[in-house]
Each structure stands twice: as C-alpha cells, then as structure tokens.
Amino acid sequence: MTQKTASGSTRRSEGSRRAILEAALSLVGEVGYERLTIEGIAARAKVGKQTIYRWWPSKAAVLLDAFTAKADAGEFESSLPDTGDLAADLKRGLQATVDEFNDPHFQAPYRALAVAAASDAVAAEQFISRLLEPGNKVYVDRLRSAQEAGDIAAGADLRVAVDLLLGPFTHRWLMRTGELSYEFVDTLVHMVVNGLRHGA
C-alpha cells in the first residue's frame, strides 16, 4: 500500500510540474515577462502557489526550466555537422537558429530570460550556464576541429571567434536592429571565416 501511494504521489507531482512549466511558457507569450507572476502561473496550472515555491525560488527559475526542458531531454542538436566545409557547417547551424529566433513560441520566453538575466545575478548565472555556454561550446568545438585541420589560423582565439560570430547575430535579434535572415547569416559567416583564415 505504501509503495502504491508513493508511486501515485510521484505521478501527481510530475503532472503538476509539467503543468507549471507549460503554464509559464504560455503565459509569458501572452502577457510578457514583466506581467508574469507566480500567482498567474499557479492559476493557469491549477496548483497552489506554495507548490511552485517548493520547487522554484522565482518566476525566472520556472521559466528557465520550462524553456530548457526540451534541451535537457536531448531534443536539440548538441553539435554542428563537420562536413569539412567550415563555412557551410557554420551557416547550417546559424540558419537553424534563424528559424528558432523567428519563431514566436521561442522568442517570448528567450527574450524574457534575457531581461531577467540583465537584472538578476542569479538568473544571469543560470542563463549563461544552461543556455549560452552549451550553445557556444557547439561552435567552439567545430572551430577547434577546423583549426586542427589547418582551415583557420593556428593562433586564433576560438572563444573570441565565437563572440565575433554570435555577438552580431544576438545583438540584431535582441535590439531589433535588422532582419534575421539566411542572407545575413551568409554575410556574417563569410566575414568571420575569412578573418580567421587570415589570422585576424
């Protein structure tokens, strides 16, 4: 009897957790981060507010877990292809990111997390470790492979190279200074790869 009760409790807890994560994602798309509240998430998920606070310290923490749920489950690619053509491989990765960043379901929570990270040191630490660093590593690994193959300068700083590649991309998207398109990706990759090949 004890075992059955524990199993039922676990299922209910997992069901509540999924409902909370889904509620956070849907609500942030409807009301934005500033108006997102724990009370609102609890009402949408049909759970008590104390249930959320038992698992998460803030709305930013809830949203981060909700946003990274698919990535944590391994549903996103964890590496770039290595076809031997560095520019083509980088373009393929960034083109997929263009599609993601132009998807309204992606935009709302990611922008909200960026806002939270800008004003909350704890949220920033989590945002960097769970989203930015894994994403950056994908590009560092591919650039290292190209460096070992002699396709880019041996002395190139790969972390700075990734900043050169992803910085303008992210800035354009966050600040809405221009359209994120495949054409923009082509230009960006061409400039960065040429610089790396010439030891810039």
N, C-alpha and C. Protein backbone atom coordinates (compact mmCIF):
# COMPACT_ATOMS: atom_id res chain seq x y z
N MET A 1 0.84 -1.21 0.00
CA MET A 1 0.00 0.00 0.00
C MET A 1 0.87 1.26 0.00
N THR A 2 1.94 1.23 0.82
CA THR A 2 2.84 2.37 0.87
C THR A 2 3.49 2.63 -0.48
N GLN A 3 3.90 1.56 -1.16
CA GLN A 3 4.55 1.69 -2.45
C GLN A 3 3.61 2.30 -3.48
N LYS A 4 2.36 1.84 -3.50
CA LYS A 4 1.38 2.36 -4.44
C LYS A 4 1.11 3.84 -4.18
N THR A 5 1.03 4.22 -2.91
CA THR A 5 0.77 5.61 -2.56
C THR A 5 1.91 6.50 -3.01
N ALA A 6 3.15 6.05 -2.79
CA ALA A 6 4.31 6.82 -3.20
C ALA A 6 4.34 6.99 -4.71
N SER A 7 4.01 5.92 -5.43
CA SER A 7 4.01 5.98 -6.89
C SER A 7 2.96 6.96 -7.38
N GLY A 8 1.78 6.92 -6.77
CA GLY A 8 0.72 7.85 -7.16
C GLY A 8 1.11 9.28 -6.87
N SER A 9 1.77 9.51 -5.74
CA SER A 9 2.22 10.85 -5.39
C SER A 9 3.26 11.36 -6.38
N THR A 10 4.15 10.47 -6.80
CA THR A 10 5.18 10.85 -7.77
C THR A 10 4.55 11.25 -9.09
N ARG A 11 3.54 10.48 -9.53
CA ARG A 11 2.87 10.80 -10.79
C ARG A 11 2.16 12.14 -10.70
N ARG A 12 1.51 12.40 -9.56
CA ARG A 12 0.82 13.68 -9.39
C ARG A 12 1.82 14.83 -9.38
N SER A 13 2.96 14.63 -8.70
CA SER A 13 3.98 15.68 -8.65
C SER A 13 4.52 15.98 -10.04
N GLU A 14 4.78 14.94 -10.81
CA GLU A 14 5.30 15.14 -12.16
C GLU A 14 4.26 15.81 -13.05
N GLY A 15 3.00 15.43 -12.86
CA GLY A 15 1.93 16.07 -13.63
C GLY A 15 1.82 17.55 -13.29
N SER A 16 1.93 17.87 -12.01
CA SER A 16 1.89 19.27 -11.58
C SER A 16 3.07 20.05 -12.13
N ARG A 17 4.24 19.42 -12.11
CA ARG A 17 5.44 20.09 -12.61
C ARG A 17 5.30 20.41 -14.10
N ARG A 18 4.84 19.45 -14.88
CA ARG A 18 4.65 19.69 -16.31
C ARG A 18 3.63 20.80 -16.55
N ALA A 19 2.56 20.78 -15.76
CA ALA A 19 1.52 21.81 -15.92
C ALA A 19 2.08 23.20 -15.61
N ILE A 20 2.93 23.29 -14.61
CA ILE A 20 3.53 24.58 -14.23
C ILE A 20 4.46 25.08 -15.35
N LEU A 21 5.27 24.19 -15.89
CA LEU A 21 6.20 24.60 -16.95
C LEU A 21 5.44 25.04 -18.20
N GLU A 22 4.41 24.30 -18.55
CA GLU A 22 3.60 24.67 -19.72
C GLU A 22 2.88 25.99 -19.49
N ALA A 23 2.40 26.20 -18.27
CA ALA A 23 1.71 27.45 -17.94
C ALA A 23 2.66 28.63 -18.04
N ALA A 24 3.88 28.47 -17.56
CA ALA A 24 4.86 29.56 -17.62
C ALA A 24 5.16 29.95 -19.06
N LEU A 25 5.34 28.96 -19.93
CA LEU A 25 5.65 29.26 -21.32
C LEU A 25 4.49 29.94 -22.03
N SER A 26 3.29 29.45 -21.79
CA SER A 26 2.14 30.04 -22.48
C SER A 26 1.85 31.46 -21.97
N LEU A 27 1.97 31.64 -20.67
CA LEU A 27 1.67 32.96 -20.09
C LEU A 27 2.67 34.03 -20.50
N VAL A 28 3.95 33.68 -20.54
CA VAL A 28 4.94 34.70 -20.89
C VAL A 28 4.73 35.17 -22.32
N GLY A 29 4.22 34.29 -23.18
CA GLY A 29 3.90 34.70 -24.54
C GLY A 29 2.69 35.59 -24.61
N GLU A 30 1.81 35.47 -23.64
CA GLU A 30 0.58 36.27 -23.64
C GLU A 30 0.74 37.62 -22.94
N VAL A 31 1.45 37.63 -21.83
CA VAL A 31 1.50 38.85 -21.01
C VAL A 31 2.88 39.49 -20.92
N GLY A 32 3.93 38.78 -21.36
CA GLY A 32 5.28 39.31 -21.24
C GLY A 32 5.88 39.02 -19.87
N TYR A 33 7.20 39.21 -19.76
CA TYR A 33 7.88 38.85 -18.52
C TYR A 33 7.50 39.74 -17.35
N GLU A 34 7.37 41.04 -17.60
CA GLU A 34 7.09 41.97 -16.51
C GLU A 34 5.77 41.65 -15.82
N ARG A 35 4.79 41.19 -16.58
CA ARG A 35 3.47 40.90 -16.01
C ARG A 35 3.30 39.43 -15.63
N LEU A 36 4.30 38.65 -15.90
CA LEU A 36 4.25 37.24 -15.50
C LEU A 36 4.43 37.15 -13.99
N THR A 37 3.58 36.39 -13.31
CA THR A 37 3.66 36.25 -11.86
C THR A 37 3.53 34.80 -11.46
N ILE A 38 4.04 34.49 -10.28
CA ILE A 38 3.88 33.14 -9.74
C ILE A 38 2.40 32.84 -9.55
N GLU A 39 1.64 33.85 -9.10
CA GLU A 39 0.20 33.66 -8.90
C GLU A 39 -0.48 33.29 -10.22
N GLY A 40 -0.09 33.98 -11.28
CA GLY A 40 -0.68 33.70 -12.58
C GLY A 40 -0.33 32.32 -13.08
N ILE A 41 0.92 31.92 -12.89
CA ILE A 41 1.34 30.57 -13.31
C ILE A 41 0.58 29.52 -12.52
N ALA A 42 0.45 29.73 -11.22
CA ALA A 42 -0.27 28.77 -10.37
C ALA A 42 -1.72 28.64 -10.81
N ALA A 43 -2.36 29.75 -11.11
CA ALA A 43 -3.76 29.72 -11.53
C ALA A 43 -3.91 28.97 -12.85
N ARG A 44 -3.01 29.25 -13.80
CA ARG A 44 -3.10 28.59 -15.10
C ARG A 44 -2.83 27.08 -14.96
N ALA A 45 -1.88 26.72 -14.10
CA ALA A 45 -1.52 25.31 -13.93
C ALA A 45 -2.47 24.57 -12.99
N LYS A 46 -3.35 25.34 -12.31
CA LYS A 46 -4.31 24.78 -11.35
C LYS A 46 -3.59 24.07 -10.20
N VAL A 47 -2.59 24.78 -9.67
CA VAL A 47 -1.88 24.29 -8.49
C VAL A 47 -1.81 25.43 -7.48
N GLY A 48 -1.45 25.11 -6.26
CA GLY A 48 -1.27 26.14 -5.25
C GLY A 48 0.04 26.88 -5.46
N LYS A 49 0.07 28.15 -5.10
CA LYS A 49 1.29 28.95 -5.23
C LYS A 49 2.44 28.32 -4.45
N GLN A 50 2.13 27.72 -3.30
CA GLN A 50 3.18 27.11 -2.48
C GLN A 50 3.83 25.93 -3.18
N THR A 51 3.09 25.29 -4.08
CA THR A 51 3.66 24.18 -4.84
C THR A 51 4.79 24.67 -5.72
N ILE A 52 4.60 25.81 -6.35
CA ILE A 52 5.65 26.38 -7.20
C ILE A 52 6.85 26.78 -6.36
N TYR A 53 6.62 27.46 -5.26
CA TYR A 53 7.73 27.91 -4.42
C TYR A 53 8.48 26.74 -3.77
N ARG A 54 7.85 25.60 -3.68
CA ARG A 54 8.53 24.43 -3.14
C ARG A 54 9.62 23.95 -4.10
N TRP A 55 9.41 24.18 -5.40
CA TRP A 55 10.36 23.70 -6.40
C TRP A 55 11.21 24.80 -7.02
N TRP A 56 10.72 26.04 -7.06
CA TRP A 56 11.46 27.12 -7.72
C TRP A 56 11.45 28.38 -6.84
N PRO A 57 12.55 29.12 -6.82
CA PRO A 57 12.61 30.33 -5.99
C PRO A 57 12.02 31.58 -6.64
N SER A 58 11.81 31.54 -7.96
CA SER A 58 11.36 32.75 -8.65
C SER A 58 10.71 32.39 -9.98
N LYS A 59 10.05 33.38 -10.58
CA LYS A 59 9.43 33.14 -11.88
C LYS A 59 10.50 32.92 -12.95
N ALA A 60 11.67 33.56 -12.79
CA ALA A 60 12.76 33.36 -13.75
C ALA A 60 13.23 31.91 -13.72
N ALA A 61 13.30 31.33 -12.55
CA ALA A 61 13.74 29.94 -12.43
C ALA A 61 12.72 28.99 -13.06
N VAL A 62 11.44 29.28 -12.87
CA VAL A 62 10.39 28.46 -13.50
C VAL A 62 10.52 28.54 -15.02
N LEU A 63 10.66 29.74 -15.52
CA LEU A 63 10.71 29.95 -16.97
C LEU A 63 11.95 29.30 -17.57
N LEU A 64 13.07 29.37 -16.87
CA LEU A 64 14.29 28.75 -17.39
C LEU A 64 14.13 27.24 -17.49
N ASP A 65 13.55 26.63 -16.47
CA ASP A 65 13.30 25.18 -16.52
C ASP A 65 12.34 24.83 -17.65
N ALA A 66 11.32 25.66 -17.82
CA ALA A 66 10.34 25.41 -18.88
C ALA A 66 11.01 25.50 -20.24
N PHE A 67 11.84 26.51 -20.43
CA PHE A 67 12.46 26.74 -21.72
C PHE A 67 13.49 25.67 -22.06
N THR A 68 14.20 25.19 -21.05
CA THR A 68 15.28 24.22 -21.31
C THR A 68 14.81 22.78 -21.21
N ALA A 69 13.53 22.56 -20.98
CA ALA A 69 13.03 21.19 -20.80
C ALA A 69 13.36 20.31 -22.01
N LYS A 70 13.12 20.83 -23.21
CA LYS A 70 13.39 20.03 -24.41
C LYS A 70 14.88 19.82 -24.61
N ALA A 71 15.66 20.85 -24.34
CA ALA A 71 17.10 20.71 -24.48
C ALA A 71 17.65 19.70 -23.48
N ASP A 72 17.14 19.73 -22.25
CA ASP A 72 17.58 18.79 -21.23
C ASP A 72 17.20 17.36 -21.60
N ALA A 73 16.13 17.21 -22.38
CA ALA A 73 15.70 15.88 -22.81
C ALA A 73 16.45 15.40 -24.04
N GLY A 74 17.38 16.24 -24.53
CA GLY A 74 18.18 15.84 -25.67
C GLY A 74 17.50 16.00 -27.00
N GLU A 75 16.50 16.88 -27.08
CA GLU A 75 15.76 17.04 -28.32
C GLU A 75 16.40 18.06 -29.25
N PHE A 76 17.38 18.80 -28.78
CA PHE A 76 18.07 19.76 -29.63
C PHE A 76 19.45 19.20 -29.99
N GLU A 77 19.96 19.57 -31.16
CA GLU A 77 21.27 19.10 -31.57
C GLU A 77 22.34 19.67 -30.65
N SER A 78 23.30 18.82 -30.28
CA SER A 78 24.36 19.24 -29.37
C SER A 78 25.67 19.47 -30.09
N SER A 79 25.69 19.39 -31.42
CA SER A 79 26.91 19.63 -32.17
C SER A 79 26.57 20.09 -33.57
N LEU A 80 27.53 20.75 -34.21
CA LEU A 80 27.39 21.13 -35.60
C LEU A 80 27.91 20.01 -36.48
N PRO A 81 27.43 19.92 -37.70
CA PRO A 81 27.99 18.92 -38.62
C PRO A 81 29.43 19.28 -38.94
N ASP A 82 30.21 18.28 -39.27
CA ASP A 82 31.59 18.51 -39.69
C ASP A 82 31.78 17.85 -41.05
N THR A 83 31.43 18.59 -42.09
CA THR A 83 31.49 18.06 -43.45
C THR A 83 32.83 18.33 -44.10
N GLY A 84 33.70 19.08 -43.39
CA GLY A 84 34.95 19.51 -43.98
C GLY A 84 34.87 20.89 -44.58
N ASP A 85 33.66 21.42 -44.69
CA ASP A 85 33.44 22.79 -45.20
C ASP A 85 32.98 23.64 -44.04
N LEU A 86 33.92 24.38 -43.43
CA LEU A 86 33.62 25.13 -42.21
C LEU A 86 32.51 26.15 -42.44
N ALA A 87 32.60 26.93 -43.50
CA ALA A 87 31.60 27.97 -43.74
C ALA A 87 30.21 27.36 -43.89
N ALA A 88 30.10 26.28 -44.64
CA ALA A 88 28.80 25.64 -44.84
C ALA A 88 28.25 25.11 -43.53
N ASP A 89 29.11 24.55 -42.69
CA ASP A 89 28.65 24.00 -41.41
C ASP A 89 28.18 25.10 -40.47
N LEU A 90 28.92 26.21 -40.43
CA LEU A 90 28.51 27.34 -39.59
C LEU A 90 27.18 27.94 -40.09
N LYS A 91 27.05 28.04 -41.39
CA LYS A 91 25.80 28.57 -41.96
C LYS A 91 24.62 27.68 -41.59
N ARG A 92 24.83 26.38 -41.68
CA ARG A 92 23.74 25.46 -41.35
C ARG A 92 23.29 25.65 -39.90
N GLY A 93 24.25 25.78 -38.99
CA GLY A 93 23.89 25.97 -37.59
C GLY A 93 23.17 27.29 -37.36
N LEU A 94 23.66 28.36 -37.95
CA LEU A 94 23.05 29.67 -37.74
C LEU A 94 21.71 29.80 -38.47
N GLN A 95 21.56 29.13 -39.60
CA GLN A 95 20.27 29.16 -40.28
C GLN A 95 19.19 28.48 -39.43
N ALA A 96 19.57 27.40 -38.77
CA ALA A 96 18.61 26.75 -37.86
C ALA A 96 18.26 27.69 -36.71
N THR A 97 19.23 28.47 -36.25
CA THR A 97 18.98 29.43 -35.18
C THR A 97 18.10 30.57 -35.67
N VAL A 98 18.28 30.99 -36.92
CA VAL A 98 17.39 32.00 -37.50
C VAL A 98 15.94 31.52 -37.43
N ASP A 99 15.72 30.27 -37.80
CA ASP A 99 14.36 29.72 -37.77
C ASP A 99 13.81 29.72 -36.35
N GLU A 100 14.65 29.36 -35.39
CA GLU A 100 14.22 29.36 -33.98
C GLU A 100 13.89 30.76 -33.50
N PHE A 101 14.82 31.69 -33.74
CA PHE A 101 14.66 33.05 -33.22
C PHE A 101 13.50 33.80 -33.87
N ASN A 102 13.10 33.38 -35.06
CA ASN A 102 11.95 33.99 -35.72
C ASN A 102 10.63 33.31 -35.38
N ASP A 103 10.69 32.28 -34.56
CA ASP A 103 9.50 31.55 -34.12
C ASP A 103 8.93 32.26 -32.87
N PRO A 104 7.69 32.74 -32.92
CA PRO A 104 7.10 33.44 -31.77
C PRO A 104 7.12 32.61 -30.49
N HIS A 105 7.00 31.30 -30.61
CA HIS A 105 7.00 30.45 -29.41
C HIS A 105 8.37 30.42 -28.75
N PHE A 106 9.41 30.65 -29.53
CA PHE A 106 10.76 30.72 -28.98
C PHE A 106 11.07 32.12 -28.48
N GLN A 107 10.63 33.12 -29.25
CA GLN A 107 11.01 34.50 -28.95
C GLN A 107 10.59 34.97 -27.56
N ALA A 108 9.33 34.74 -27.22
CA ALA A 108 8.80 35.29 -25.97
C ALA A 108 9.58 34.82 -24.74
N PRO A 109 9.75 33.50 -24.54
CA PRO A 109 10.48 33.08 -23.35
C PRO A 109 11.95 33.43 -23.38
N TYR A 110 12.58 33.39 -24.56
CA TYR A 110 14.02 33.69 -24.61
C TYR A 110 14.28 35.16 -24.32
N ARG A 111 13.46 36.03 -24.89
CA ARG A 111 13.60 37.46 -24.58
C ARG A 111 13.35 37.71 -23.09
N ALA A 112 12.36 37.02 -22.54
CA ALA A 112 12.06 37.19 -21.12
C ALA A 112 13.24 36.76 -20.26
N LEU A 113 13.88 35.66 -20.63
CA LEU A 113 15.03 35.19 -19.86
C LEU A 113 16.20 36.16 -19.99
N ALA A 114 16.36 36.76 -21.16
CA ALA A 114 17.43 37.76 -21.34
C ALA A 114 17.17 38.98 -20.46
N VAL A 115 15.92 39.40 -20.36
CA VAL A 115 15.55 40.51 -19.48
C VAL A 115 15.86 40.16 -18.03
N ALA A 116 15.47 38.95 -17.62
CA ALA A 116 15.71 38.52 -16.24
C ALA A 116 17.20 38.47 -15.94
N ALA A 117 17.98 37.98 -16.89
CA ALA A 117 19.43 37.86 -16.69
C ALA A 117 20.09 39.22 -16.57
N ALA A 118 19.54 40.22 -17.26
CA ALA A 118 20.12 41.56 -17.23
C ALA A 118 19.95 42.24 -15.88
N SER A 119 18.97 41.80 -15.11
CA SER A 119 18.68 42.49 -13.85
C SER A 119 18.83 41.61 -12.61
N ASP A 120 19.18 40.35 -12.79
CA ASP A 120 19.24 39.41 -11.67
C ASP A 120 20.49 38.55 -11.82
N ALA A 121 21.43 38.70 -10.90
CA ALA A 121 22.71 37.99 -11.00
C ALA A 121 22.54 36.47 -10.96
N VAL A 122 21.62 36.00 -10.13
CA VAL A 122 21.38 34.55 -10.04
C VAL A 122 20.79 34.04 -11.34
N ALA A 123 19.81 34.76 -11.88
CA ALA A 123 19.22 34.38 -13.16
C ALA A 123 20.26 34.42 -14.26
N ALA A 124 21.14 35.41 -14.22
CA ALA A 124 22.18 35.53 -15.24
C ALA A 124 23.11 34.32 -15.20
N GLU A 125 23.50 33.91 -14.01
CA GLU A 125 24.40 32.76 -13.87
C GLU A 125 23.77 31.50 -14.47
N GLN A 126 22.50 31.30 -14.18
CA GLN A 126 21.79 30.14 -14.71
C GLN A 126 21.59 30.24 -16.22
N PHE A 127 21.26 31.42 -16.69
CA PHE A 127 21.06 31.66 -18.12
C PHE A 127 22.34 31.35 -18.89
N ILE A 128 23.47 31.79 -18.35
CA ILE A 128 24.75 31.55 -19.01
C ILE A 128 25.12 30.08 -18.99
N SER A 129 25.00 29.44 -17.83
CA SER A 129 25.46 28.06 -17.70
C SER A 129 24.56 27.06 -18.43
N ARG A 130 23.26 27.35 -18.50
CA ARG A 130 22.35 26.37 -19.08
C ARG A 130 21.96 26.66 -20.52
N LEU A 131 22.12 27.91 -20.97
CA LEU A 131 21.75 28.25 -22.34
C LEU A 131 22.93 28.74 -23.17
N LEU A 132 23.60 29.79 -22.71
CA LEU A 132 24.64 30.39 -23.52
C LEU A 132 25.87 29.50 -23.67
N GLU A 133 26.38 28.97 -22.57
CA GLU A 133 27.61 28.18 -22.64
C GLU A 133 27.45 26.91 -23.47
N PRO A 134 26.37 26.13 -23.29
CA PRO A 134 26.21 24.95 -24.16
C PRO A 134 26.12 25.33 -25.64
N GLY A 135 25.42 26.43 -25.93
CA GLY A 135 25.33 26.87 -27.32
C GLY A 135 26.66 27.31 -27.87
N ASN A 136 27.44 28.06 -27.07
CA ASN A 136 28.76 28.50 -27.51
C ASN A 136 29.70 27.32 -27.73
N LYS A 137 29.61 26.32 -26.87
CA LYS A 137 30.50 25.16 -26.97
C LYS A 137 30.36 24.46 -28.31
N VAL A 138 29.15 24.41 -28.84
CA VAL A 138 28.91 23.78 -30.13
C VAL A 138 29.78 24.43 -31.21
N TYR A 139 29.87 25.76 -31.17
CA TYR A 139 30.65 26.48 -32.17
C TYR A 139 32.14 26.40 -31.88
N VAL A 140 32.52 26.45 -30.61
CA VAL A 140 33.93 26.30 -30.26
C VAL A 140 34.45 24.95 -30.74
N ASP A 141 33.68 23.90 -30.52
CA ASP A 141 34.11 22.56 -30.93
C ASP A 141 34.31 22.47 -32.44
N ARG A 142 33.39 23.07 -33.19
CA ARG A 142 33.52 23.00 -34.65
C ARG A 142 34.71 23.83 -35.13
N LEU A 143 34.93 24.98 -34.53
CA LEU A 143 36.08 25.80 -34.89
C LEU A 143 37.39 25.11 -34.51
N ARG A 144 37.40 24.42 -33.38
CA ARG A 144 38.61 23.70 -32.99
C ARG A 144 38.94 22.61 -34.00
N SER A 145 37.91 21.92 -34.48
CA SER A 145 38.12 20.90 -35.49
C SER A 145 38.72 21.52 -36.76
N ALA A 146 38.22 22.70 -37.15
CA ALA A 146 38.74 23.38 -38.33
C ALA A 146 40.18 23.84 -38.10
N GLN A 147 40.46 24.27 -36.88
CA GLN A 147 41.81 24.72 -36.55
C GLN A 147 42.79 23.54 -36.62
N GLU A 148 42.37 22.41 -36.10
CA GLU A 148 43.23 21.22 -36.13
C GLU A 148 43.46 20.73 -37.55
N ALA A 149 42.49 20.99 -38.43
CA ALA A 149 42.62 20.59 -39.82
C ALA A 149 43.39 21.62 -40.65
N GLY A 150 43.77 22.72 -40.02
CA GLY A 150 44.51 23.76 -40.71
C GLY A 150 43.67 24.70 -41.54
N ASP A 151 42.35 24.70 -41.30
CA ASP A 151 41.45 25.55 -42.09
C ASP A 151 41.41 26.98 -41.58
N ILE A 152 41.78 27.20 -40.33
CA ILE A 152 41.84 28.56 -39.79
C ILE A 152 43.16 28.72 -39.05
N ALA A 153 43.52 29.96 -38.78
CA ALA A 153 44.82 30.26 -38.18
C ALA A 153 45.03 29.51 -36.88
N ALA A 154 46.23 28.97 -36.70
CA ALA A 154 46.55 28.17 -35.51
C ALA A 154 46.43 28.98 -34.23
N GLY A 155 46.73 30.28 -34.32
CA GLY A 155 46.73 31.10 -33.11
C GLY A 155 45.41 31.78 -32.81
N ALA A 156 44.39 31.50 -33.59
CA ALA A 156 43.10 32.18 -33.40
C ALA A 156 42.49 31.80 -32.05
N ASP A 157 42.00 32.79 -31.33
CA ASP A 157 41.30 32.57 -30.05
C ASP A 157 39.88 32.14 -30.38
N LEU A 158 39.55 30.90 -30.11
CA LEU A 158 38.27 30.35 -30.54
C LEU A 158 37.09 30.94 -29.77
N ARG A 159 37.31 31.30 -28.51
CA ARG A 159 36.22 31.91 -27.75
C ARG A 159 35.87 33.29 -28.31
N VAL A 160 36.90 34.04 -28.66
CA VAL A 160 36.67 35.34 -29.27
C VAL A 160 36.03 35.17 -30.65
N ALA A 161 36.45 34.14 -31.37
CA ALA A 161 35.88 33.86 -32.69
C ALA A 161 34.38 33.60 -32.58
N VAL A 162 33.97 32.87 -31.57
CA VAL A 162 32.55 32.60 -31.37
C VAL A 162 31.82 33.88 -31.02
N ASP A 163 32.44 34.74 -30.22
CA ASP A 163 31.83 36.04 -29.91
C ASP A 163 31.63 36.86 -31.19
N LEU A 164 32.62 36.82 -32.08
CA LEU A 164 32.51 37.55 -33.34
C LEU A 164 31.37 37.00 -34.20
N LEU A 165 31.15 35.71 -34.10
CA LEU A 165 30.11 35.08 -34.91
C LEU A 165 28.72 35.27 -34.32
N LEU A 166 28.58 35.03 -33.02
CA LEU A 166 27.25 35.05 -32.39
C LEU A 166 26.86 36.43 -31.85
N GLY A 167 27.86 37.28 -31.55
CA GLY A 167 27.55 38.59 -31.00
C GLY A 167 26.67 39.44 -31.90
N PRO A 168 27.06 39.66 -33.16
CA PRO A 168 26.21 40.46 -34.05
C PRO A 168 24.85 39.83 -34.29
N PHE A 169 24.82 38.51 -34.33
CA PHE A 169 23.56 37.79 -34.54
C PHE A 169 22.59 38.07 -33.38
N THR A 170 23.10 37.89 -32.16
CA THR A 170 22.27 38.09 -30.98
C THR A 170 21.87 39.55 -30.82
N HIS A 171 22.80 40.45 -31.07
CA HIS A 171 22.52 41.88 -30.94
C HIS A 171 21.41 42.29 -31.90
N ARG A 172 21.50 41.84 -33.14
CA ARG A 172 20.48 42.20 -34.13
C ARG A 172 19.10 41.72 -33.68
N TRP A 173 19.07 40.53 -33.10
CA TRP A 173 17.78 39.96 -32.68
C TRP A 173 17.23 40.66 -31.43
N LEU A 174 18.08 40.83 -30.43
CA LEU A 174 17.62 41.42 -29.17
C LEU A 174 17.21 42.87 -29.35
N MET A 175 17.99 43.62 -30.12
CA MET A 175 17.74 45.05 -30.28
C MET A 175 16.84 45.36 -31.48
N ARG A 176 16.49 44.34 -32.24
CA ARG A 176 15.62 44.50 -33.41
C ARG A 176 16.18 45.54 -34.38
N THR A 177 17.50 45.47 -34.61
CA THR A 177 18.14 46.45 -35.49
C THR A 177 18.06 46.05 -36.96
N GLY A 178 17.63 44.87 -37.24
CA GLY A 178 17.52 44.41 -38.62
C GLY A 178 16.91 43.03 -38.68
N GLU A 179 16.66 42.57 -39.88
CA GLU A 179 16.03 41.26 -40.06
C GLU A 179 17.05 40.14 -39.86
N LEU A 180 16.64 39.10 -39.17
CA LEU A 180 17.45 37.89 -39.10
C LEU A 180 17.06 37.03 -40.29
N SER A 181 18.01 36.82 -41.18
CA SER A 181 17.72 36.09 -42.41
C SER A 181 18.91 35.21 -42.77
N TYR A 182 18.68 34.30 -43.71
CA TYR A 182 19.77 33.47 -44.20
C TYR A 182 20.83 34.34 -44.89
N GLU A 183 20.40 35.40 -45.56
CA GLU A 183 21.35 36.29 -46.24
C GLU A 183 22.28 36.95 -45.23
N PHE A 184 21.72 37.37 -44.10
CA PHE A 184 22.55 37.96 -43.04
C PHE A 184 23.55 36.93 -42.53
N VAL A 185 23.11 35.70 -42.35
CA VAL A 185 23.99 34.63 -41.90
C VAL A 185 25.13 34.42 -42.89
N ASP A 186 24.82 34.40 -44.17
CA ASP A 186 25.86 34.20 -45.19
C ASP A 186 26.93 35.28 -45.10
N THR A 187 26.50 36.54 -44.96
CA THR A 187 27.45 37.65 -44.87
C THR A 187 28.29 37.54 -43.61
N LEU A 188 27.64 37.25 -42.49
CA LEU A 188 28.33 37.16 -41.20
C LEU A 188 29.38 36.04 -41.22
N VAL A 189 28.99 34.87 -41.67
CA VAL A 189 29.92 33.73 -41.71
C VAL A 189 31.07 34.02 -42.66
N HIS A 190 30.79 34.59 -43.80
CA HIS A 190 31.84 34.91 -44.77
C HIS A 190 32.89 35.83 -44.16
N MET A 191 32.46 36.86 -43.47
CA MET A 191 33.39 37.82 -42.88
C MET A 191 34.21 37.19 -41.77
N VAL A 192 33.57 36.43 -40.89
CA VAL A 192 34.27 35.83 -39.76
C VAL A 192 35.25 34.76 -40.22
N VAL A 193 34.82 33.87 -41.11
CA VAL A 193 35.69 32.79 -41.57
C VAL A 193 36.89 33.35 -42.34
N ASN A 194 36.66 34.35 -43.17
CA ASN A 194 37.78 34.97 -43.88
C ASN A 194 38.79 35.56 -42.91
N GLY A 195 38.29 36.21 -41.87
CA GLY A 195 39.19 36.77 -40.87
C GLY A 195 40.00 35.70 -40.15
N LEU A 196 39.36 34.61 -39.81
CA LEU A 196 40.03 33.52 -39.10
C LEU A 196 41.08 32.85 -39.99
N ARG A 197 40.79 32.75 -41.26
CA ARG A 197 41.76 32.10 -42.17
C ARG A 197 43.00 32.96 -42.39
N HIS A 198 42.85 34.27 -42.24
CA HIS A 198 43.98 35.16 -42.44
C HIS A 198 44.64 35.55 -41.11
N GLY A 199 44.23 34.89 -40.03
CA GLY A 199 44.89 35.12 -38.75
C GLY A 199 44.45 36.37 -38.03
N ALA A 200 43.29 36.94 -38.44
CA ALA A 200 42.83 38.17 -37.80
C ALA A 200 42.40 37.87 -36.38
